[in-house]
Amino acid sequence: MPWKEVTRMSLRLEFVTMARVEGSNMAELCRRFGISRKIGYKWLRRYHLEGVEGLRDRSRRPKSSPGRTPVPVEEVVLAVREQHGTWGGRKIRARLEALGQSEIPAASTITEILRRHGCIDPEESRKHKAWQRFEAQAPNELWQMDFKGHFEAAEGRCHPLTVLDDHARYALCLQACWDEKGTTVRQHLTAVFRWYGLPRTILVDHGSPWGSDEEHRYTPLTVWLMRQGIEVWHSRPYHPQTLGKDERFHRTLWADVSQYCVGLPLEACQERFEKWRGVYNLERPHEALQMAVPASRYIPSPRSFQEILPPIEYGPGDHVRKVQQGGKISYRNREYEVPKAFYGQSVALRPTAQDELMDVFFCNQRIMQLDLKNHTQKVLPMSPNVCNP
């Protein structure tokens, strides 16, 4: 991914934030960002000495502004609010601390400043119920992926594709798409995987292109993810809270940027999305993270994307079958149905502890069972063993 002029500062800040997280691999991080280790250490050194200002190009602004007039506290607060129109007292306070502001009011005082200046709707003051949340223990253990409901763009409809790290709340992908097809998702996921590496698991809902009912639990997209060694989980039917973090992200996305993209060309939508993604990851304090920013908890995955997939290898005791046209495999002179998405792939049949019952594996994931006694098959669900992530 080249360092374009419009995103240079956000990329540098993203780089140093990830490089300072304990356990990060400097050499691999520099490779992912397309820079040399010398350049990487230069930005780390500047950030350590000068903070965010050290990441700016030297020739673009003076090192100091001795004649600058001090800005009153209320004007500083209102300036942050004007830039981020949905932020409240706690987020603005955390942001001022991150910016190194010398005089910072309490969050309650900032809220009163906003209220006096008519920046807060009285309805916003209502208290919300606190939910008990599940959270992955480390970055890249679990990603949540979904499409935000479409809106009208200049040439058709815009379908925002979002991918969020469950542990860090880091927005890995925010892409304005023409459609919700599996080929479109695969194209953008490939770019994400090349940049951030591979997660252990991806959580999706029930619908195109992830898979829906029992007959269509697996799709070409989910099979491709499984070939990369990624587990695919489906959320519980009729329980949107299972994808709660991504759903909450969608509400923030609509309030902050999507509603202002209605009627714009898709390229303009994407420009606004990418700019806002940088703010969300690097600047916006997150209450679920104790007012830290998502980038402070995220590092790229050590598992790199496989451009060329190696052949699938199964054990010597496995009965390997190639899925034929229409999703058919044969065993003991009988045909059994396999999800059509596995057409052309090899699967392995393994005996279970129960007599006449065989597990069917694709790569290292069990996808179904064969009942040899009754000559039936059962596709297994792709669901997490957690509630309300």
Protein backbone atom coordinates (compact mmCIF):
# COMPACT_ATOMS: atom_id res chain seq x y z
CA MET A 1 0.00 0.00 0.00
CA PRO A 2 1.76 3.24 -1.11
CA TRP A 3 2.01 6.19 1.26
CA LYS A 4 -0.24 8.65 -0.57
CA GLU A 5 0.07 12.33 0.28
CA VAL A 6 -3.44 12.57 1.72
CA THR A 7 -2.89 9.76 4.20
CA ARG A 8 0.82 10.15 4.98
CA MET A 9 0.39 11.46 8.54
CA SER A 10 -2.23 8.86 9.48
CA LEU A 11 -0.06 6.06 8.09
CA ARG A 12 2.99 7.27 10.02
CA LEU A 13 0.96 7.52 13.21
CA GLU A 14 -0.54 4.08 12.58
CA PHE A 15 2.96 2.68 12.06
CA VAL A 16 4.55 4.11 15.22
CA THR A 17 1.49 3.21 17.31
CA MET A 18 1.71 -0.42 16.21
CA ALA A 19 5.51 -0.50 16.51
CA ARG A 20 5.31 0.66 20.15
CA VAL A 21 2.90 -2.12 21.15
CA GLU A 22 4.65 -4.86 23.09
CA GLY A 23 5.31 -7.92 20.97
CA SER A 24 5.31 -6.16 17.59
CA ASN A 25 7.75 -7.40 14.94
CA MET A 26 9.62 -4.35 13.61
CA ALA A 27 11.00 -6.00 10.48
CA GLU A 28 7.64 -7.49 9.50
CA LEU A 29 5.84 -4.23 10.29
CA CYS A 30 8.20 -2.26 8.03
CA ARG A 31 7.66 -4.80 5.26
CA ARG A 32 3.87 -4.48 5.58
CA PHE A 33 4.09 -0.67 5.41
CA GLY A 34 6.51 -0.78 2.47
CA ILE A 35 9.35 1.13 4.19
CA SER A 36 12.91 0.29 5.22
CA ARG A 37 13.79 -0.42 8.84
CA LYS A 38 15.96 2.72 8.80
CA ILE A 39 12.94 4.84 7.94
CA GLY A 40 10.82 2.98 10.49
CA TYR A 41 13.26 3.69 13.32
CA LYS A 42 13.52 7.33 12.19
CA TRP A 43 9.78 7.85 12.69
CA LEU A 44 9.90 6.05 16.04
CA ARG A 45 12.73 8.30 17.21
CA ARG A 46 10.97 11.47 16.10
CA TYR A 47 7.73 10.37 17.75
CA HIS A 48 9.57 9.61 21.02
CA LEU A 49 11.21 13.05 21.06
CA GLU A 50 8.44 15.26 19.67
CA GLY A 51 5.21 13.26 19.74
CA VAL A 52 2.82 13.52 16.80
CA GLU A 53 4.47 16.75 15.58
CA GLY A 54 7.67 14.81 14.93
CA LEU A 55 5.89 12.82 12.23
CA ARG A 56 5.31 15.86 10.05
CA ASP A 57 7.60 16.72 7.13
CA ARG A 58 10.23 19.19 8.38
CA SER A 59 9.71 21.66 5.56
CA ARG A 60 5.96 22.08 5.95
CA ARG A 61 5.68 23.96 9.21
CA PRO A 62 7.90 25.81 11.69
CA LYS A 63 9.25 23.95 14.71
CA SER A 64 7.70 26.47 17.06
CA SER A 65 5.18 29.34 17.06
CA PRO A 66 6.40 31.82 19.68
CA GLY A 67 3.92 34.53 18.65
CA ARG A 68 0.86 32.32 18.93
CA THR A 69 -1.87 33.68 21.23
CA PRO A 70 -3.17 31.21 23.94
CA VAL A 71 -6.64 29.90 23.12
CA PRO A 72 -9.30 30.03 25.88
CA VAL A 73 -10.34 26.68 27.29
CA GLU A 74 -13.90 26.83 26.01
CA GLU A 75 -12.73 27.60 22.49
CA VAL A 76 -10.38 24.59 22.59
CA VAL A 77 -13.25 22.33 23.69
CA LEU A 78 -15.61 23.72 21.06
CA ALA A 79 -12.95 23.33 18.37
CA VAL A 80 -12.64 19.62 19.12
CA ARG A 81 -16.42 19.28 19.18
CA GLU A 82 -16.70 21.09 15.84
CA GLN A 83 -14.22 18.65 14.32
CA HIS A 84 -15.91 15.60 15.86
CA GLY A 85 -19.58 16.46 16.09
CA THR A 86 -20.72 13.33 17.95
CA TRP A 87 -18.10 13.30 20.74
CA GLY A 88 -19.11 13.95 24.34
CA GLY A 89 -17.27 15.18 27.42
CA ARG A 90 -15.25 12.04 28.15
CA LYS A 91 -14.01 11.60 24.59
CA ILE A 92 -13.07 15.27 24.22
CA ARG A 93 -11.19 15.21 27.53
CA ALA A 94 -9.27 12.07 26.53
CA ARG A 95 -8.45 13.63 23.17
CA LEU A 96 -7.15 16.84 24.80
CA GLU A 97 -4.95 14.71 27.06
CA ALA A 98 -3.60 12.85 24.05
CA LEU A 99 -2.86 16.18 22.38
CA GLY A 100 -0.94 17.38 25.47
CA GLN A 101 -3.26 20.28 26.29
CA SER A 102 -1.97 22.04 29.42
CA GLU A 103 -5.32 23.01 30.96
CA ILE A 104 -8.00 20.33 30.66
CA PRO A 105 -11.42 20.60 32.35
CA ALA A 106 -13.20 17.63 33.91
CA ALA A 107 -15.44 15.62 31.59
CA SER A 108 -18.54 16.93 33.37
CA THR A 109 -17.33 20.52 32.86
CA ILE A 110 -16.78 19.87 29.16
CA THR A 111 -20.31 18.46 28.94
CA GLU A 112 -21.66 21.65 30.54
CA ILE A 113 -19.67 23.77 28.07
CA LEU A 114 -21.21 21.84 25.19
CA ARG A 115 -24.68 22.14 26.68
CA ARG A 116 -24.38 25.92 27.22
CA HIS A 117 -23.39 26.37 23.60
CA GLY A 118 -26.26 24.26 22.33
CA CYS A 119 -24.07 21.39 21.14
CA ILE A 120 -25.96 18.64 22.98
CA ASP A 121 -29.47 17.39 22.32
CA PRO A 122 -31.28 16.87 25.64
CA GLU A 123 -32.07 13.32 24.51
CA GLU A 124 -28.33 12.53 24.56
CA SER A 125 -28.29 12.94 28.33
CA ARG A 126 -30.32 9.78 28.89
CA LYS A 127 -28.36 6.98 30.53
CA HIS A 128 -27.84 3.79 28.58
CA LYS A 129 -27.97 0.28 29.94
CA ALA A 130 -24.53 -1.27 30.46
CA TRP A 131 -24.11 -4.58 28.69
CA GLN A 132 -21.84 -7.40 29.73
CA ARG A 133 -19.57 -7.99 26.77
CA PHE A 134 -17.47 -10.82 25.44
CA GLU A 135 -14.04 -9.84 24.18
CA ALA A 136 -11.32 -11.80 22.39
CA GLN A 137 -8.17 -12.04 24.47
CA ALA A 138 -5.71 -10.80 21.84
CA PRO A 139 -5.63 -9.00 18.48
CA ASN A 140 -6.51 -11.12 15.43
CA GLU A 141 -8.14 -13.88 17.47
CA LEU A 142 -11.51 -12.79 16.12
CA TRP A 143 -12.57 -10.33 13.44
CA GLN A 144 -16.18 -9.26 12.90
CA MET A 145 -17.28 -8.61 9.31
CA ASP A 146 -20.54 -7.29 7.89
CA PHE A 147 -22.13 -4.91 5.41
CA LYS A 148 -23.65 -1.73 6.77
CA GLY A 149 -27.07 -1.12 5.24
CA HIS A 150 -26.70 0.51 1.83
CA PHE A 151 -27.50 4.11 0.97
CA GLU A 152 -28.01 5.93 -2.33
CA ALA A 153 -24.87 7.17 -4.09
CA ALA A 154 -24.52 9.25 -7.27
CA GLU A 155 -24.28 6.26 -9.63
CA GLY A 156 -26.29 3.69 -7.68
CA ARG A 157 -26.01 2.31 -4.16
CA CYS A 158 -23.09 2.31 -1.75
CA HIS A 159 -22.66 -0.81 0.40
CA PRO A 160 -20.11 -0.13 3.19
CA LEU A 161 -18.09 -3.27 3.98
CA THR A 162 -16.68 -3.23 7.51
CA VAL A 163 -14.16 -5.47 9.28
CA LEU A 164 -13.43 -4.90 12.98
CA ASP A 165 -10.93 -6.57 15.32
CA ASP A 166 -12.88 -7.88 18.30
CA HIS A 167 -10.15 -7.28 20.89
CA ALA A 168 -8.89 -3.86 19.84
CA ARG A 169 -12.03 -2.48 18.12
CA TYR A 170 -9.61 -1.59 15.35
CA ALA A 171 -11.30 -0.87 12.00
CA LEU A 172 -9.34 -3.00 9.54
CA CYS A 173 -11.56 -2.32 6.55
CA LEU A 174 -14.12 0.33 5.63
CA GLN A 175 -14.81 0.01 1.94
CA ALA A 176 -17.47 1.62 -0.23
CA CYS A 177 -18.70 -1.22 -2.49
CA TRP A 178 -21.05 -1.30 -5.49
CA ASP A 179 -22.57 -4.60 -4.36
CA GLU A 180 -22.45 -7.31 -1.71
CA LYS A 181 -21.13 -10.14 -3.89
CA GLY A 182 -18.59 -12.67 -2.67
CA THR A 183 -16.11 -11.69 -5.39
CA THR A 184 -16.22 -8.08 -4.22
CA VAL A 185 -15.63 -9.07 -0.59
CA ARG A 186 -12.77 -11.38 -1.57
CA GLN A 187 -11.06 -8.60 -3.52
CA HIS A 188 -11.10 -6.20 -0.56
CA LEU A 189 -10.27 -8.89 2.01
CA THR A 190 -7.20 -9.82 -0.01
CA ALA A 191 -5.92 -6.25 0.37
CA VAL A 192 -6.70 -6.33 4.11
CA PHE A 193 -4.92 -9.68 4.57
CA ARG A 194 -1.84 -8.44 2.72
CA TRP A 195 -1.69 -5.40 4.98
CA TYR A 196 -2.69 -6.77 8.39
CA GLY A 197 -2.15 -10.54 8.05
CA LEU A 198 -4.67 -13.31 8.77
CA PRO A 199 -7.00 -13.66 11.76
CA ARG A 200 -7.71 -16.95 13.50
CA THR A 201 -11.49 -16.57 13.13
CA ILE A 202 -13.94 -14.32 11.28
CA LEU A 203 -17.49 -13.86 12.60
CA VAL A 204 -20.24 -13.06 10.05
CA ASP A 205 -24.03 -13.04 10.05
CA HIS A 206 -26.51 -15.18 8.10
CA GLY A 207 -26.89 -13.84 4.60
CA SER A 208 -25.21 -13.33 1.25
CA PRO A 209 -22.33 -13.74 0.67
CA TRP A 210 -21.50 -15.45 3.97
CA GLY A 211 -24.06 -18.28 3.80
CA SER A 212 -27.62 -18.52 5.08
CA ASP A 213 -29.81 -21.57 5.66
CA GLU A 214 -28.73 -25.15 6.37
CA GLU A 215 -28.38 -25.94 2.68
CA HIS A 216 -26.19 -22.91 2.00
CA ARG A 217 -24.08 -22.57 5.14
CA TYR A 218 -20.94 -22.64 3.03
CA THR A 219 -20.23 -20.35 0.07
CA PRO A 220 -17.25 -19.93 -2.29
CA LEU A 221 -16.17 -17.01 -0.10
CA THR A 222 -16.18 -18.98 3.15
CA VAL A 223 -14.45 -21.93 1.46
CA TRP A 224 -11.70 -19.53 0.30
CA LEU A 225 -11.32 -18.24 3.86
CA MET A 226 -11.07 -21.80 5.18
CA ARG A 227 -8.34 -22.54 2.61
CA GLN A 228 -6.37 -19.69 4.16
CA GLY A 229 -6.65 -21.45 7.52
CA ILE A 230 -9.31 -19.06 8.88
CA GLU A 231 -12.23 -20.41 10.88
CA VAL A 232 -15.57 -18.92 9.84
CA TRP A 233 -18.30 -18.49 12.46
CA HIS A 234 -21.90 -17.52 11.85
CA SER A 235 -23.74 -15.41 14.40
CA ARG A 236 -26.77 -16.86 16.13
CA PRO A 237 -29.91 -16.50 13.98
CA TYR A 238 -32.09 -13.52 15.00
CA HIS A 239 -29.41 -12.35 17.47
CA PRO A 240 -27.73 -9.28 15.89
CA GLN A 241 -26.05 -8.60 19.24
CA THR A 242 -23.69 -11.50 18.49
CA LEU A 243 -22.06 -9.07 16.05
CA GLY A 244 -22.54 -6.32 18.60
CA LYS A 245 -19.21 -4.54 18.19
CA ASP A 246 -19.60 -4.25 14.43
CA GLU A 247 -23.25 -3.19 14.81
CA ARG A 248 -22.17 -0.45 17.24
CA PHE A 249 -19.44 0.57 14.81
CA HIS A 250 -22.10 0.90 12.10
CA ARG A 251 -24.14 3.32 14.22
CA THR A 252 -21.08 5.48 14.81
CA LEU A 253 -20.18 5.29 11.12
CA TRP A 254 -23.64 6.52 10.09
CA ALA A 255 -23.69 9.32 12.65
CA ASP A 256 -20.20 10.58 11.82
CA VAL A 257 -19.83 10.13 8.07
CA SER A 258 -22.22 7.90 6.07
CA GLN A 259 -25.24 10.18 6.32
CA TYR A 260 -23.15 12.95 4.75
CA CYS A 261 -22.15 10.69 1.84
CA VAL A 262 -25.68 10.17 0.49
CA GLY A 263 -25.77 11.18 -3.16
CA LEU A 264 -21.98 11.41 -3.57
CA PRO A 265 -19.94 9.43 -6.12
CA LEU A 266 -18.53 6.18 -4.76
CA GLU A 267 -14.94 7.49 -4.93
CA ALA A 268 -15.90 10.49 -2.81
CA CYS A 269 -17.58 8.17 -0.29
CA GLN A 270 -14.40 6.11 -0.06
CA GLU A 271 -12.24 9.20 0.50
CA ARG A 272 -14.44 10.23 3.42
CA PHE A 273 -14.51 6.67 4.76
CA GLU A 274 -10.72 6.36 4.74
CA LYS A 275 -10.22 9.74 6.41
CA TRP A 276 -12.74 8.85 9.11
CA ARG A 277 -11.20 5.38 9.61
CA GLY A 278 -7.92 7.09 10.51
CA VAL A 279 -9.71 9.28 13.07
CA TYR A 280 -11.57 6.28 14.51
CA ASN A 281 -8.44 4.14 14.89
CA LEU A 282 -5.90 6.78 15.92
CA GLU A 283 -7.73 9.71 17.53
CA ARG A 284 -11.19 8.80 18.80
CA PRO A 285 -11.10 7.63 22.45
CA HIS A 286 -13.09 4.42 22.93
CA GLU A 287 -15.07 4.01 26.15
CA ALA A 288 -14.84 0.20 26.04
CA LEU A 289 -11.03 0.59 25.97
CA GLN A 290 -10.92 2.91 29.01
CA MET A 291 -10.73 5.90 26.64
CA ALA A 292 -7.70 4.54 24.77
CA VAL A 293 -7.68 4.53 20.97
CA PRO A 294 -8.04 1.21 19.09
CA ALA A 295 -4.58 1.50 17.53
CA SER A 296 -3.01 1.33 21.00
CA ARG A 297 -4.26 -2.26 21.36
CA TYR A 298 -3.74 -3.59 17.86
CA ILE A 299 -0.73 -5.19 16.13
CA PRO A 300 -0.78 -6.97 12.76
CA SER A 301 -1.09 -10.73 12.69
CA PRO A 302 2.12 -12.80 12.35
CA ARG A 303 0.23 -15.08 9.94
CA SER A 304 0.85 -13.77 6.43
CA PHE A 305 -1.57 -14.05 3.54
CA GLN A 306 -0.79 -16.95 1.22
CA GLU A 307 -0.72 -15.63 -2.35
CA ILE A 308 -0.34 -19.18 -3.71
CA LEU A 309 -2.13 -21.81 -1.67
CA PRO A 310 -0.26 -25.07 -1.10
CA PRO A 311 -1.97 -28.42 -1.80
CA ILE A 312 -4.27 -29.67 0.96
CA GLU A 313 -2.64 -32.43 2.98
CA TYR A 314 -4.61 -35.01 4.96
CA GLY A 315 -3.49 -37.81 7.27
CA PRO A 316 -2.55 -41.32 6.09
CA GLY A 317 -5.66 -42.80 7.71
CA ASP A 318 -8.07 -40.38 6.02
CA HIS A 319 -10.35 -41.40 3.17
CA VAL A 320 -9.86 -38.52 0.70
CA ARG A 321 -12.60 -37.72 -1.81
CA LYS A 322 -12.88 -34.99 -4.43
CA VAL A 323 -16.21 -33.17 -4.49
CA GLN A 324 -17.86 -33.62 -7.86
CA GLN A 325 -20.30 -31.49 -9.85
CA GLY A 326 -23.45 -30.79 -7.84
CA GLY A 327 -21.72 -31.44 -4.53
CA LYS A 328 -21.38 -35.23 -4.62
CA ILE A 329 -18.86 -37.61 -3.05
CA SER A 330 -18.92 -41.40 -3.08
CA TYR A 331 -18.03 -43.82 -0.28
CA ARG A 332 -18.70 -47.56 -0.13
CA ASN A 333 -20.48 -47.41 -3.48
CA ARG A 334 -22.95 -44.80 -2.27
CA GLU A 335 -23.25 -41.12 -3.05
CA TYR A 336 -23.50 -38.45 -0.37
CA GLU A 337 -24.26 -34.76 -0.76
CA VAL A 338 -21.69 -32.14 0.23
CA PRO A 339 -22.30 -28.36 0.08
CA LYS A 340 -21.89 -27.26 -3.54
CA ALA A 341 -19.41 -24.56 -2.51
CA PHE A 342 -16.77 -27.32 -2.10
CA TYR A 343 -17.00 -28.38 -5.74
CA GLY A 344 -13.54 -29.31 -7.03
CA GLN A 345 -12.04 -29.43 -3.53
CA SER A 346 -10.73 -32.49 -1.67
CA VAL A 347 -12.32 -33.51 1.63
CA ALA A 348 -11.30 -36.18 4.15
CA LEU A 349 -13.57 -38.76 5.78
CA ARG A 350 -12.55 -39.85 9.28
CA PRO A 351 -14.17 -42.48 11.54
CA THR A 352 -15.64 -41.30 14.84
CA ALA A 353 -16.01 -43.07 18.18
CA GLN A 354 -19.56 -43.93 17.16
CA ASP A 355 -19.87 -46.89 14.84
CA GLU A 356 -20.96 -46.14 11.25
CA LEU A 357 -20.58 -42.38 11.76
CA MET A 358 -17.94 -40.50 9.76
CA ASP A 359 -16.72 -36.93 10.12
CA VAL A 360 -16.01 -34.97 6.93
CA PHE A 361 -13.15 -32.46 7.11
CA PHE A 362 -12.10 -29.70 4.76
CA CYS A 363 -8.52 -28.68 5.57
CA ASN A 364 -8.54 -28.77 9.39
CA GLN A 365 -12.22 -27.90 9.85
CA ARG A 366 -15.04 -30.39 10.31
CA ILE A 367 -17.88 -29.49 7.97
CA MET A 368 -20.37 -32.39 8.17
CA GLN A 369 -21.07 -35.97 9.24
CA LEU A 370 -22.08 -39.06 7.28
CA ASP A 371 -24.41 -41.66 8.78
CA LEU A 372 -23.32 -44.79 6.92
CA LYS A 373 -25.99 -46.95 8.53
CA ASN A 374 -28.94 -44.82 7.40
CA HIS A 375 -27.16 -43.40 4.32
CA THR A 376 -27.73 -39.78 5.33
CA GLN A 377 -25.57 -36.70 5.79
CA LYS A 378 -25.71 -33.68 8.08
CA VAL A 379 -24.04 -30.33 7.46
CA LEU A 380 -22.62 -28.91 10.69
CA PRO A 381 -23.21 -25.27 11.69
CA MET A 382 -20.48 -22.65 11.58
CA SER A 383 -21.22 -20.96 14.89
CA PRO A 384 -19.19 -19.54 17.79
CA ASN A 385 -19.31 -21.07 21.26
CA VAL A 386 -19.84 -17.65 22.77
CA CYS A 387 -22.84 -15.44 23.46
CA ASN A 388 -23.22 -11.74 22.92
CA PRO A 389 -19.67 -10.85 21.76
